[in-house]
Amino acid sequence: MVFLLEEDVRAPPGHCFKLKAVPFSKKHNFWGCRTSGLDFYSYNTELKSLHLVETKKLNVSWYIYTHESRPVLLASGMQCKSFTGYQLSSAGIIRLPRFEITMAKSEANNKPILAAEDVHIIT
């Protein structure tokens, strides 16, 4: 089951974020990533509805996720080089230490932007 969220009307076309179906704990069944942060939902089977359980507020440029070890890595900043991570586990949500990538020196007027395709999670 895939849900689509669209938050920022000023965002470029096609920049809506998928609400991932990841049953990782009893309290949280689904999570969604928006430009304003990470949302955690529970699904009520009787009412067939989603309930917002928790929100982690931060600016998000893009995110990556892998189902093998269930980390969510959120990139922020003008060059997308500041990272906040969360580990989704059956025990709940574990916040990982925040870190920043040091980029190689570039041309004087060129500031490279790190893209999701440039980052890989090794499990």
PDB file of N, CA and C in Angstrom:
ATOM      1  N   MET A   1       0.845  -1.159   0.000  1.00  0.00           N
ATOM      2  CA  MET A   1       0.000   0.000   0.000  1.00  0.00           C
ATOM      3  C   MET A   1       0.900   1.234   0.000  1.00  0.00           C
ATOM      4  N   VAL A   2       0.706   2.164  -0.921  1.00  0.00           N
ATOM      5  CA  VAL A   2       1.508   3.380  -1.009  1.00  0.00           C
ATOM      6  C   VAL A   2       0.572   4.576  -0.941  1.00  0.00           C
ATOM      7  N   PHE A   3       0.907   5.538  -0.092  1.00  0.00           N
ATOM      8  CA  PHE A   3       0.163   6.783   0.016  1.00  0.00           C
ATOM      9  C   PHE A   3       1.053   7.899  -0.500  1.00  0.00           C
ATOM     10  N   LEU A   4       0.487   8.923  -1.095  1.00  0.00           N
ATOM     11  CA  LEU A   4       1.279  10.058  -1.551  1.00  0.00           C
ATOM     12  C   LEU A   4       0.918  11.292  -0.740  1.00  0.00           C
ATOM     13  N   LEU A   5       1.933  12.000  -0.274  1.00  0.00           N
ATOM     14  CA  LEU A   5       1.748  13.254   0.444  1.00  0.00           C
ATOM     15  C   LEU A   5       2.346  14.371  -0.387  1.00  0.00           C
ATOM     16  N   GLU A   6       1.724  15.514  -0.381  1.00  0.00           N
ATOM     17  CA  GLU A   6       2.289  16.670  -1.055  1.00  0.00           C
ATOM     18  C   GLU A   6       2.178  17.841  -0.097  1.00  0.00           C
ATOM     19  N   GLU A   7       3.323  18.386   0.301  1.00  0.00           N
ATOM     20  CA  GLU A   7       3.286  19.420   1.323  1.00  0.00           C
ATOM     21  C   GLU A   7       3.527  20.821   0.791  1.00  0.00           C
ATOM     22  N   ASP A   8       4.606  21.046   0.096  1.00  0.00           N
ATOM     23  CA  ASP A   8       5.007  22.381  -0.306  1.00  0.00           C
ATOM     24  C   ASP A   8       4.498  22.686  -1.713  1.00  0.00           C
ATOM     25  N   VAL A   9       3.556  23.616  -1.825  1.00  0.00           N
ATOM     26  CA  VAL A   9       3.002  23.950  -3.144  1.00  0.00           C
ATOM     27  C   VAL A   9       4.026  24.681  -4.004  1.00  0.00           C
ATOM     28  N   ARG A  10       5.090  25.216  -3.376  1.00  0.00           N
ATOM     29  CA  ARG A  10       6.145  25.897  -4.126  1.00  0.00           C
ATOM     30  C   ARG A  10       7.223  24.931  -4.602  1.00  0.00           C
ATOM     31  N   ALA A  11       7.127  23.664  -4.207  1.00  0.00           N
ATOM     32  CA  ALA A  11       8.132  22.673  -4.609  1.00  0.00           C
ATOM     33  C   ALA A  11       8.010  22.397  -6.105  1.00  0.00           C
ATOM     34  N   PRO A  12       9.107  22.000  -6.745  1.00  0.00           N
ATOM     35  CA  PRO A  12       9.051  21.656  -8.170  1.00  0.00           C
ATOM     36  C   PRO A  12       8.072  20.509  -8.415  1.00  0.00           C
ATOM     37  N   PRO A  13       7.491  20.429  -9.612  1.00  0.00           N
ATOM     38  CA  PRO A  13       6.545  19.357  -9.923  1.00  0.00           C
ATOM     39  C   PRO A  13       7.156  17.977  -9.673  1.00  0.00           C
ATOM     40  N   GLY A  14       6.349  17.082  -9.141  1.00  0.00           N
ATOM     41  CA  GLY A  14       6.809  15.721  -8.891  1.00  0.00           C
ATOM     42  C   GLY A  14       7.519  15.536  -7.567  1.00  0.00           C
ATOM     43  N   HIS A  15       7.582  16.563  -6.741  1.00  0.00           N
ATOM     44  CA  HIS A  15       8.261  16.435  -5.458  1.00  0.00           C
ATOM     45  C   HIS A  15       7.262  16.144  -4.336  1.00  0.00           C
ATOM     46  N   CYS A  16       6.517  15.093  -4.475  1.00  0.00           N
ATOM     47  CA  CYS A  16       5.694  14.628  -3.370  1.00  0.00           C
ATOM     48  C   CYS A  16       6.426  13.428  -2.773  1.00  0.00           C
ATOM     49  N   PHE A  17       6.169  13.128  -1.532  1.00  0.00           N
ATOM     50  CA  PHE A  17       6.928  12.105  -0.842  1.00  0.00           C
ATOM     51  C   PHE A  17       6.043  10.904  -0.552  1.00  0.00           C
ATOM     52  N   LYS A  18       6.553   9.723  -0.770  1.00  0.00           N
ATOM     53  CA  LYS A  18       5.786   8.514  -0.520  1.00  0.00           C
ATOM     54  C   LYS A  18       5.717   8.224   0.966  1.00  0.00           C
ATOM     55  N   LEU A  19       4.565   7.791   1.408  1.00  0.00           N
ATOM     56  CA  LEU A  19       4.397   7.328   2.777  1.00  0.00           C
ATOM     57  C   LEU A  19       4.693   5.842   2.742  1.00  0.00           C
ATOM     58  N   LYS A  20       5.792   5.437   3.312  1.00  0.00           N
ATOM     59  CA  LYS A  20       6.251   4.054   3.220  1.00  0.00           C
ATOM     60  C   LYS A  20       5.462   3.155   4.169  1.00  0.00           C
ATOM     61  N   ALA A  21       5.111   1.979   3.710  1.00  0.00           N
ATOM     62  CA  ALA A  21       4.437   0.984   4.546  1.00  0.00           C
ATOM     63  C   ALA A  21       5.494   0.121   5.210  1.00  0.00           C
ATOM     64  N   VAL A  22       5.869   0.488   6.417  1.00  0.00           N
ATOM     65  CA  VAL A  22       6.924  -0.217   7.139  1.00  0.00           C
ATOM     66  C   VAL A  22       6.421  -0.544   8.539  1.00  0.00           C
ATOM     67  N   PRO A  23       5.880  -1.744   8.757  1.00  0.00           N
ATOM     68  CA  PRO A  23       5.425  -2.100  10.105  1.00  0.00           C
ATOM     69  C   PRO A  23       6.626  -2.434  10.986  1.00  0.00           C
ATOM     70  N   PHE A  24       7.144  -1.429  11.722  1.00  0.00           N
ATOM     71  CA  PHE A  24       8.367  -1.661  12.474  1.00  0.00           C
ATOM     72  C   PHE A  24       8.159  -1.711  13.978  1.00  0.00           C
ATOM     73  N   SER A  25       7.014  -1.301  14.491  1.00  0.00           N
ATOM     74  CA  SER A  25       6.738  -1.439  15.921  1.00  0.00           C
ATOM     75  C   SER A  25       5.231  -1.461  16.130  1.00  0.00           C
ATOM     76  N   LYS A  26       4.811  -1.795  17.338  1.00  0.00           N
ATOM     77  CA  LYS A  26       3.374  -1.838  17.626  1.00  0.00           C
ATOM     78  C   LYS A  26       2.762  -0.443  17.634  1.00  0.00           C
ATOM     79  N   LYS A  27       3.552   0.548  18.029  1.00  0.00           N
ATOM     80  CA  LYS A  27       3.052   1.917  18.117  1.00  0.00           C
ATOM     81  C   LYS A  27       3.046   2.620  16.759  1.00  0.00           C
ATOM     82  N   HIS A  28       4.019   2.318  15.918  1.00  0.00           N
ATOM     83  CA  HIS A  28       4.168   2.983  14.619  1.00  0.00           C
ATOM     84  C   HIS A  28       4.077   1.947  13.496  1.00  0.00           C
ATOM     85  N   ASN A  29       3.131   2.140  12.588  1.00  0.00           N
ATOM     86  CA  ASN A  29       2.981   1.229  11.457  1.00  0.00           C
ATOM     87  C   ASN A  29       3.538   1.790  10.159  1.00  0.00           C
ATOM     88  N   PHE A  30       3.451   3.091   9.988  1.00  0.00           N
ATOM     89  CA  PHE A  30       3.860   3.739   8.752  1.00  0.00           C
ATOM     90  C   PHE A  30       4.667   4.983   9.077  1.00  0.00           C
ATOM     91  N   TRP A  31       5.492   5.390   8.121  1.00  0.00           N
ATOM     92  CA  TRP A  31       6.186   6.665   8.278  1.00  0.00           C
ATOM     93  C   TRP A  31       6.147   7.410   6.961  1.00  0.00           C
ATOM     94  N   GLY A  32       6.221   8.719   7.043  1.00  0.00           N
ATOM     95  CA  GLY A  32       6.234   9.567   5.860  1.00  0.00           C
ATOM     96  C   GLY A  32       7.254  10.666   6.031  1.00  0.00           C
ATOM     97  N   CYS A  33       7.917  11.017   4.956  1.00  0.00           N
ATOM     98  CA  CYS A  33       8.917  12.078   4.991  1.00  0.00           C
ATOM     99  C   CYS A  33       8.396  13.253   4.180  1.00  0.00           C
ATOM    100  N   ARG A  34       8.409  14.425   4.800  1.00  0.00           N
ATOM    101  CA  ARG A  34       7.994  15.653   4.129  1.00  0.00           C
ATOM    102  C   ARG A  34       9.125  16.665   4.230  1.00  0.00           C
ATOM    103  N   THR A  35       8.999  17.783   3.573  1.00  0.00           N
ATOM    104  CA  THR A  35      10.035  18.808   3.652  1.00  0.00           C
ATOM    105  C   THR A  35      10.139  19.403   5.049  1.00  0.00           C
ATOM    106  N   SER A  36       9.138  19.209   5.880  1.00  0.00           N
ATOM    107  CA  SER A  36       9.159  19.750   7.246  1.00  0.00           C
ATOM    108  C   SER A  36       9.539  18.708   8.292  1.00  0.00           C
ATOM    109  N   GLY A  37       9.820  17.486   7.887  1.00  0.00           N
ATOM    110  CA  GLY A  37      10.246  16.481   8.862  1.00  0.00           C
ATOM    111  C   GLY A  37       9.725  15.091   8.575  1.00  0.00           C
ATOM    112  N   LEU A  38       9.764  14.275   9.617  1.00  0.00           N
ATOM    113  CA  LEU A  38       9.403  12.864   9.536  1.00  0.00           C
ATOM    114  C   LEU A  38       8.144  12.637  10.363  1.00  0.00           C
ATOM    115  N   ASP A  39       7.138  11.997   9.790  1.00  0.00           N
ATOM    116  CA  ASP A  39       5.884  11.717  10.486  1.00  0.00           C
ATOM    117  C   ASP A  39       5.726  10.217  10.676  1.00  0.00           C
ATOM    118  N   PHE A  40       5.231   9.824  11.840  1.00  0.00           N
ATOM    119  CA  PHE A  40       4.990   8.419  12.150  1.00  0.00           C
ATOM    120  C   PHE A  40       3.505   8.226  12.410  1.00  0.00           C
ATOM    121  N   TYR A  41       2.944   7.189  11.790  1.00  0.00           N
ATOM    122  CA  TYR A  41       1.513   6.937  11.846  1.00  0.00           C
ATOM    123  C   TYR A  41       1.226   5.529  12.355  1.00  0.00           C
ATOM    124  N   SER A  42       0.026   5.371  12.902  1.00  0.00           N
ATOM    125  CA  SER A  42      -0.482   4.032  13.193  1.00  0.00           C
ATOM    126  C   SER A  42      -1.739   3.853  12.340  1.00  0.00           C
ATOM    127  N   TYR A  43      -2.012   2.622  11.967  1.00  0.00           N
ATOM    128  CA  TYR A  43      -3.165   2.323  11.123  1.00  0.00           C
ATOM    129  C   TYR A  43      -4.226   1.637  11.963  1.00  0.00           C
ATOM    130  N   ASN A  44      -5.437   2.175  11.956  1.00  0.00           N
ATOM    131  CA  ASN A  44      -6.562   1.590  12.667  1.00  0.00           C
ATOM    132  C   ASN A  44      -7.333   0.720  11.681  1.00  0.00           C
ATOM    133  N   THR A  45      -7.254  -0.601  11.864  1.00  0.00           N
ATOM    134  CA  THR A  45      -7.895  -1.518  10.916  1.00  0.00           C
ATOM    135  C   THR A  45      -9.414  -1.437  10.977  1.00  0.00           C
ATOM    136  N   GLU A  46      -9.977  -1.172  12.157  1.00  0.00           N
ATOM    137  CA  GLU A  46     -11.434  -1.091  12.283  1.00  0.00           C
ATOM    138  C   GLU A  46     -11.993   0.132  11.556  1.00  0.00           C
ATOM    139  N   LEU A  47     -11.332   1.274  11.733  1.00  0.00           N
ATOM    140  CA  LEU A  47     -11.795   2.506  11.092  1.00  0.00           C
ATOM    141  C   LEU A  47     -11.192   2.718   9.707  1.00  0.00           C
ATOM    142  N   LYS A  48     -10.204   1.871   9.361  1.00  0.00           N
ATOM    143  CA  LYS A  48      -9.481   2.003   8.096  1.00  0.00           C
ATOM    144  C   LYS A  48      -8.956   3.427   7.916  1.00  0.00           C
ATOM    145  N   SER A  49      -8.220   3.878   8.940  1.00  0.00           N
ATOM    146  CA  SER A  49      -7.696   5.239   8.903  1.00  0.00           C
ATOM    147  C   SER A  49      -6.303   5.300   9.517  1.00  0.00           C
ATOM    148  N   LEU A  50      -5.568   6.339   9.147  1.00  0.00           N
ATOM    149  CA  LEU A  50      -4.244   6.590   9.707  1.00  0.00           C
ATOM    150  C   LEU A  50      -4.361   7.614  10.824  1.00  0.00           C
ATOM    151  N   HIS A  51      -3.557   7.418  11.867  1.00  0.00           N
ATOM    152  CA  HIS A  51      -3.518   8.345  12.989  1.00  0.00           C
ATOM    153  C   HIS A  51      -2.079   8.813  13.162  1.00  0.00           C
ATOM    154  N   LEU A  52      -1.868  10.130  13.165  1.00  0.00           N
ATOM    155  CA  LEU A  52      -0.531  10.682  13.364  1.00  0.00           C
ATOM    156  C   LEU A  52      -0.131  10.475  14.818  1.00  0.00           C
ATOM    157  N   VAL A  53       0.960   9.720  15.041  1.00  0.00           N
ATOM    158  CA  VAL A  53       1.416   9.392  16.389  1.00  0.00           C
ATOM    159  C   VAL A  53       2.511  10.345  16.843  1.00  0.00           C
ATOM    160  N   GLU A  54       3.449  10.650  15.946  1.00  0.00           N
ATOM    161  CA  GLU A  54       4.620  11.430  16.333  1.00  0.00           C
ATOM    162  C   GLU A  54       5.196  12.144  15.114  1.00  0.00           C
ATOM    163  N   THR A  55       5.774  13.318  15.343  1.00  0.00           N
ATOM    164  CA  THR A  55       6.429  14.082  14.285  1.00  0.00           C
ATOM    165  C   THR A  55       7.813  14.504  14.750  1.00  0.00           C
ATOM    166  N   LYS A  56       8.802  14.317  13.893  1.00  0.00           N
ATOM    167  CA  LYS A  56      10.163  14.804  14.132  1.00  0.00           C
ATOM    168  C   LYS A  56      10.350  15.983  13.183  1.00  0.00           C
ATOM    169  N   LYS A  57      10.343  17.198  13.722  1.00  0.00           N
ATOM    170  CA  LYS A  57      10.406  18.401  12.888  1.00  0.00           C
ATOM    171  C   LYS A  57      11.843  18.774  12.551  1.00  0.00           C
ATOM    172  N   LEU A  58      12.132  18.900  11.266  1.00  0.00           N
ATOM    173  CA  LEU A  58      13.394  19.409  10.757  1.00  0.00           C
ATOM    174  C   LEU A  58      13.242  19.649   9.265  1.00  0.00           C
ATOM    175  N   ASN A  59      14.074  20.504   8.718  1.00  0.00           N
ATOM    176  CA  ASN A  59      14.041  20.777   7.278  1.00  0.00           C
ATOM    177  C   ASN A  59      14.665  19.602   6.540  1.00  0.00           C
ATOM    178  N   VAL A  60      13.958  19.111   5.523  1.00  0.00           N
ATOM    179  CA  VAL A  60      14.427  17.950   4.766  1.00  0.00           C
ATOM    180  C   VAL A  60      14.494  18.307   3.288  1.00  0.00           C
ATOM    181  N   SER A  61      15.674  18.144   2.698  1.00  0.00           N
ATOM    182  CA  SER A  61      15.825  18.342   1.254  1.00  0.00           C
ATOM    183  C   SER A  61      15.527  17.048   0.514  1.00  0.00           C
ATOM    184  N   TRP A  62      16.051  15.930   1.037  1.00  0.00           N
ATOM    185  CA  TRP A  62      15.787  14.600   0.491  1.00  0.00           C
ATOM    186  C   TRP A  62      16.117  13.565   1.560  1.00  0.00           C
ATOM    187  N   TYR A  63      15.703  12.329   1.308  1.00  0.00           N
ATOM    188  CA  TYR A  63      15.979  11.260   2.265  1.00  0.00           C
ATOM    189  C   TYR A  63      16.304   9.980   1.522  1.00  0.00           C
ATOM    190  N   ILE A  64      16.973   9.062   2.220  1.00  0.00           N
ATOM    191  CA  ILE A  64      17.171   7.710   1.697  1.00  0.00           C
ATOM    192  C   ILE A  64      16.833   6.727   2.810  1.00  0.00           C
ATOM    193  N   TYR A  65      16.421   5.544   2.395  1.00  0.00           N
ATOM    194  CA  TYR A  65      16.004   4.501   3.329  1.00  0.00           C
ATOM    195  C   TYR A  65      16.375   3.156   2.727  1.00  0.00           C
ATOM    196  N   THR A  66      16.759   2.219   3.579  1.00  0.00           N
ATOM    197  CA  THR A  66      16.953   0.847   3.128  1.00  0.00           C
ATOM    198  C   THR A  66      16.240  -0.080   4.102  1.00  0.00           C
ATOM    199  N   HIS A  67      15.551  -1.069   3.567  1.00  0.00           N
ATOM    200  CA  HIS A  67      14.760  -1.963   4.413  1.00  0.00           C
ATOM    201  C   HIS A  67      15.606  -2.986   5.152  1.00  0.00           C
ATOM    202  N   GLU A  68      16.862  -3.213   4.712  1.00  0.00           N
ATOM    203  CA  GLU A  68      17.686  -4.249   5.346  1.00  0.00           C
ATOM    204  C   GLU A  68      17.915  -3.972   6.828  1.00  0.00           C
ATOM    205  N   SER A  69      18.369  -2.776   7.160  1.00  0.00           N
ATOM    206  CA  SER A  69      18.601  -2.448   8.571  1.00  0.00           C
ATOM    207  C   SER A  69      17.715  -1.288   9.040  1.00  0.00           C
ATOM    208  N   ARG A  70      16.849  -0.815   8.170  1.00  0.00           N
ATOM    209  CA  ARG A  70      15.834   0.203   8.431  1.00  0.00           C
ATOM    210  C   ARG A  70      16.344   1.555   8.919  1.00  0.00           C
ATOM    211  N   PRO A  71      17.436   2.054   8.377  1.00  0.00           N
ATOM    212  CA  PRO A  71      17.804   3.433   8.724  1.00  0.00           C
ATOM    213  C   PRO A  71      17.149   4.420   7.761  1.00  0.00           C
ATOM    214  N   VAL A  72      16.791   5.585   8.267  1.00  0.00           N
ATOM    215  CA  VAL A  72      16.300   6.690   7.448  1.00  0.00           C
ATOM    216  C   VAL A  72      17.329   7.803   7.595  1.00  0.00           C
ATOM    217  N   LEU A  73      17.887   8.251   6.488  1.00  0.00           N
ATOM    218  CA  LEU A  73      18.889   9.310   6.506  1.00  0.00           C
ATOM    219  C   LEU A  73      18.289  10.539   5.833  1.00  0.00           C
ATOM    220  N   LEU A  74      18.185  11.649   6.577  1.00  0.00           N
ATOM    221  CA  LEU A  74      17.562  12.873   6.096  1.00  0.00           C
ATOM    222  C   LEU A  74      18.638  13.922   5.830  1.00  0.00           C
ATOM    223  N   ALA A  75      18.646  14.482   4.631  1.00  0.00           N
ATOM    224  CA  ALA A  75      19.627  15.506   4.262  1.00  0.00           C
ATOM    225  C   ALA A  75      18.991  16.886   4.349  1.00  0.00           C
ATOM    226  N   SER A  76      19.783  17.853   4.815  1.00  0.00           N
ATOM    227  CA  SER A  76      19.286  19.225   4.901  1.00  0.00           C
ATOM    228  C   SER A  76      20.426  20.202   4.641  1.00  0.00           C
ATOM    229  N   GLY A  77      20.083  21.468   4.542  1.00  0.00           N
ATOM    230  CA  GLY A  77      21.073  22.511   4.285  1.00  0.00           C
ATOM    231  C   GLY A  77      21.105  22.892   2.817  1.00  0.00           C
ATOM    232  N   MET A  78      21.761  24.004   2.519  1.00  0.00           N
ATOM    233  CA  MET A  78      21.811  24.498   1.141  1.00  0.00           C
ATOM    234  C   MET A  78      22.525  23.536   0.204  1.00  0.00           C
ATOM    235  N   GLN A  79      23.548  22.841   0.700  1.00  0.00           N
ATOM    236  CA  GLN A  79      24.281  21.886  -0.125  1.00  0.00           C
ATOM    237  C   GLN A  79      23.888  20.445   0.187  1.00  0.00           C
ATOM    238  N   CYS A  80      22.898  20.261   1.031  1.00  0.00           N
ATOM    239  CA  CYS A  80      22.405  18.924   1.411  1.00  0.00           C
ATOM    240  C   CYS A  80      23.516  18.072   2.017  1.00  0.00           C
ATOM    241  N   LYS A  81      24.364  18.668   2.825  1.00  0.00           N
ATOM    242  CA  LYS A  81      25.472  17.911   3.393  1.00  0.00           C
ATOM    243  C   LYS A  81      25.355  17.704   4.903  1.00  0.00           C
ATOM    244  N   SER A  82      24.262  18.169   5.502  1.00  0.00           N
ATOM    245  CA  SER A  82      23.983  17.916   6.917  1.00  0.00           C
ATOM    246  C   SER A  82      22.996  16.765   7.008  1.00  0.00           C
ATOM    247  N   PHE A  83      23.293  15.776   7.848  1.00  0.00           N
ATOM    248  CA  PHE A  83      22.472  14.571   7.916  1.00  0.00           C
ATOM    249  C   PHE A  83      21.970  14.301   9.329  1.00  0.00           C
ATOM    250  N   THR A  84      20.709  13.909   9.401  1.00  0.00           N
ATOM    251  CA  THR A  84      20.098  13.423  10.627  1.00  0.00           C
ATOM    252  C   THR A  84      19.583  12.033  10.311  1.00  0.00           C
ATOM    253  N   GLY A  85      19.841  11.085  11.187  1.00  0.00           N
ATOM    254  CA  GLY A  85      19.425   9.716  10.927  1.00  0.00           C
ATOM    255  C   GLY A  85      18.550   9.151  12.027  1.00  0.00           C
ATOM    256  N   TYR A  86      17.686   8.236  11.641  1.00  0.00           N
ATOM    257  CA  TYR A  86      16.843   7.503  12.584  1.00  0.00           C
ATOM    258  C   TYR A  86      16.893   6.034  12.219  1.00  0.00           C
ATOM    259  N   GLN A  87      16.940   5.198  13.222  1.00  0.00           N
ATOM    260  CA  GLN A  87      16.880   3.743  13.044  1.00  0.00           C
ATOM    261  C   GLN A  87      15.480   3.310  13.458  1.00  0.00           C
ATOM    262  N   LEU A  88      14.756   2.665  12.556  1.00  0.00           N
ATOM    263  CA  LEU A  88      13.408   2.189  12.848  1.00  0.00           C
ATOM    264  C   LEU A  88      13.515   0.752  13.328  1.00  0.00           C
ATOM    265  N   SER A  89      13.139   0.503  14.572  1.00  0.00           N
ATOM    266  CA  SER A  89      13.267  -0.846  15.115  1.00  0.00           C
ATOM    267  C   SER A  89      11.988  -1.238  15.837  1.00  0.00           C
ATOM    268  N   SER A  90      11.885  -2.517  16.175  1.00  0.00           N
ATOM    269  CA  SER A  90      10.706  -2.992  16.900  1.00  0.00           C
ATOM    270  C   SER A  90      10.629  -2.363  18.288  1.00  0.00           C
ATOM    271  N   ALA A  91      11.763  -1.887  18.816  1.00  0.00           N
ATOM    272  CA  ALA A  91      11.786  -1.212  20.117  1.00  0.00           C
ATOM    273  C   ALA A  91      11.323   0.238  20.004  1.00  0.00           C
ATOM    274  N   GLY A  92      11.231   0.757  18.797  1.00  0.00           N
ATOM    275  CA  GLY A  92      10.814   2.140  18.586  1.00  0.00           C
ATOM    276  C   GLY A  92      11.734   2.863  17.628  1.00  0.00           C
ATOM    277  N   ILE A  93      11.802   4.171  17.778  1.00  0.00           N
ATOM    278  CA  ILE A  93      12.596   5.024  16.898  1.00  0.00           C
ATOM    279  C   ILE A  93      13.862   5.437  17.640  1.00  0.00           C
ATOM    280  N   ILE A  94      15.005   5.147  17.060  1.00  0.00           N
ATOM    281  CA  ILE A  94      16.285   5.484  17.676  1.00  0.00           C
ATOM    282  C   ILE A  94      16.929   6.590  16.850  1.00  0.00           C
ATOM    283  N   ARG A  95      17.218   7.712  17.502  1.00  0.00           N
ATOM    284  CA  ARG A  95      17.868   8.819  16.788  1.00  0.00           C
ATOM    285  C   ARG A  95      19.366   8.563  16.729  1.00  0.00           C
ATOM    286  N   LEU A  96      19.930   8.682  15.546  1.00  0.00           N
ATOM    287  CA  LEU A  96      21.360   8.494  15.339  1.00  0.00           C
ATOM    288  C   LEU A  96      22.064   9.849  15.449  1.00  0.00           C
ATOM    289  N   PRO A  97      23.367   9.855  15.747  1.00  0.00           N
ATOM    290  CA  PRO A  97      24.081  11.135  15.851  1.00  0.00           C
ATOM    291  C   PRO A  97      24.038  11.918  14.534  1.00  0.00           C
ATOM    292  N   ARG A  98      23.847  13.212  14.663  1.00  0.00           N
ATOM    293  CA  ARG A  98      23.830  14.098  13.494  1.00  0.00           C
ATOM    294  C   ARG A  98      25.263  14.276  12.994  1.00  0.00           C
ATOM    295  N   PHE A  99      25.441  14.356  11.679  1.00  0.00           N
ATOM    296  CA  PHE A  99      26.775  14.562  11.133  1.00  0.00           C
ATOM    297  C   PHE A  99      26.711  15.378   9.851  1.00  0.00           C
ATOM    298  N   GLU A 100      27.865  15.875   9.439  1.00  0.00           N
ATOM    299  CA  GLU A 100      27.967  16.692   8.232  1.00  0.00           C
ATOM    300  C   GLU A 100      29.085  16.150   7.352  1.00  0.00           C
ATOM    301  N   ILE A 101      28.845  16.137   6.052  1.00  0.00           N
ATOM    302  CA  ILE A 101      29.825  15.678   5.072  1.00  0.00           C
ATOM    303  C   ILE A 101      30.721  16.859   4.690  1.00  0.00           C
ATOM    304  N   THR A 102      32.019  16.632   4.651  1.00  0.00           N
ATOM    305  CA  THR A 102      32.950  17.645   4.161  1.00  0.00           C
ATOM    306  C   THR A 102      33.133  17.417   2.666  1.00  0.00           C
ATOM    307  N   MET A 103      32.780  18.423   1.888  1.00  0.00           N
ATOM    308  CA  MET A 103      32.854  18.306   0.432  1.00  0.00           C
ATOM    309  C   MET A 103      34.246  18.719  -0.041  1.00  0.00           C
ATOM    310  N   ALA A 104      34.662  18.158  -1.167  1.00  0.00           N
ATOM    311  CA  ALA A 104      35.944  18.526  -1.774  1.00  0.00           C
ATOM    312  C   ALA A 104      35.881  19.974  -2.243  1.00  0.00           C
ATOM    313  N   LYS A 105      37.012  20.622  -2.287  1.00  0.00           N
ATOM    314  CA  LYS A 105      37.071  22.015  -2.761  1.00  0.00           C
ATOM    315  C   LYS A 105      36.594  22.072  -4.208  1.00  0.00           C
ATOM    316  N   SER A 106      35.830  23.113  -4.496  1.00  0.00           N
ATOM    317  CA  SER A 106      35.307  23.267  -5.854  1.00  0.00           C
ATOM    318  C   SER A 106      35.771  24.596  -6.428  1.00  0.00           C
ATOM    319  N   GLU A 107      35.308  24.877  -7.620  1.00  0.00           N
ATOM    320  CA  GLU A 107      35.646  26.149  -8.260  1.00  0.00           C
ATOM    321  C   GLU A 107      35.134  27.304  -7.402  1.00  0.00           C
ATOM    322  N   ALA A 108      35.697  28.479  -7.589  1.00  0.00           N
ATOM    323  CA  ALA A 108      35.417  29.634  -6.733  1.00  0.00           C
ATOM    324  C   ALA A 108      33.928  29.949  -6.589  1.00  0.00           C
ATOM    325  N   ASN A 109      33.181  29.975  -7.677  1.00  0.00           N
ATOM    326  CA  ASN A 109      31.773  30.360  -7.620  1.00  0.00           C
ATOM    327  C   ASN A 109      30.825  29.170  -7.701  1.00  0.00           C
ATOM    328  N   ASN A 110      31.332  27.976  -7.541  1.00  0.00           N
ATOM    329  CA  ASN A 110      30.503  26.785  -7.686  1.00  0.00           C
ATOM    330  C   ASN A 110      30.415  26.050  -6.351  1.00  0.00           C
ATOM    331  N   LYS A 111      29.199  25.921  -5.813  1.00  0.00           N
ATOM    332  CA  LYS A 111      28.995  25.166  -4.582  1.00  0.00           C
ATOM    333  C   LYS A 111      28.232  23.895  -4.948  1.00  0.00           C
ATOM    334  N   PRO A 112      28.890  22.744  -4.916  1.00  0.00           N
ATOM    335  CA  PRO A 112      28.207  21.502  -5.298  1.00  0.00           C
ATOM    336  C   PRO A 112      27.105  21.142  -4.302  1.00  0.00           C
ATOM    337  N   ILE A 113      26.069  20.535  -4.821  1.00  0.00           N
ATOM    338  CA  ILE A 113      24.952  20.084  -3.991  1.00  0.00           C
ATOM    339  C   ILE A 113      24.953  18.566  -3.999  1.00  0.00           C
ATOM    340  N   LEU A 114      24.932  17.990  -2.820  1.00  0.00           N
ATOM    341  CA  LEU A 114      24.920  16.542  -2.674  1.00  0.00           C
ATOM    342  C   LEU A 114      23.515  16.020  -2.984  1.00  0.00           C
ATOM    343  N   ALA A 115      23.413  15.028  -3.846  1.00  0.00           N
ATOM    344  CA  ALA A 115      22.122  14.454  -4.227  1.00  0.00           C
ATOM    345  C   ALA A 115      21.943  13.084  -3.586  1.00  0.00           C
ATOM    346  N   ALA A 116      20.707  12.631  -3.504  1.00  0.00           N
ATOM    347  CA  ALA A 116      20.415  11.319  -2.920  1.00  0.00           C
ATOM    348  C   ALA A 116      21.140  10.213  -3.679  1.00  0.00           C
ATOM    349  N   GLU A 117      21.331  10.385  -4.982  1.00  0.00           N
ATOM    350  CA  GLU A 117      22.017   9.378  -5.792  1.00  0.00           C
ATOM    351  C   GLU A 117      23.501   9.272  -5.442  1.00  0.00           C
ATOM    352  N   ASP A 118      24.040  10.291  -4.785  1.00  0.00           N
ATOM    353  CA  ASP A 118      25.456  10.300  -4.409  1.00  0.00           C
ATOM    354  C   ASP A 118      25.727   9.571  -3.092  1.00  0.00           C
ATOM    355  N   VAL A 119      24.679   9.229  -2.363  1.00  0.00           N
ATOM    356  CA  VAL A 119      24.823   8.634  -1.030  1.00  0.00           C
ATOM    357  C   VAL A 119      24.269   7.218  -1.046  1.00  0.00           C
ATOM    358  N   HIS A 120      25.008   6.292  -0.451  1.00  0.00           N
ATOM    359  CA  HIS A 120      24.567   4.900  -0.357  1.00  0.00           C
ATOM    360  C   HIS A 120      24.700   4.427   1.082  1.00  0.00           C
ATOM    361  N   ILE A 121      23.701   3.737   1.575  1.00  0.00           N
ATOM    362  CA  ILE A 121      23.749   3.169   2.918  1.00  0.00           C
ATOM    363  C   ILE A 121      24.290   1.754   2.799  1.00  0.00           C
ATOM    364  N   ILE A 122      25.356   1.467   3.517  1.00  0.00           N
ATOM    365  CA  ILE A 122      25.952   0.127   3.501  1.00  0.00           C
ATOM    366  C   ILE A 122      25.456  -0.623   4.723  1.00  0.00           C
ATOM    367  N   THR A 123      24.885  -1.792   4.492  1.00  0.00           N
ATOM    368  CA  THR A 123      24.357  -2.576   5.622  1.00  0.00           C
ATOM    369  C   THR A 123      25.150  -3.844   5.825  1.00  0.00           C
TER     370      THR A 123
END
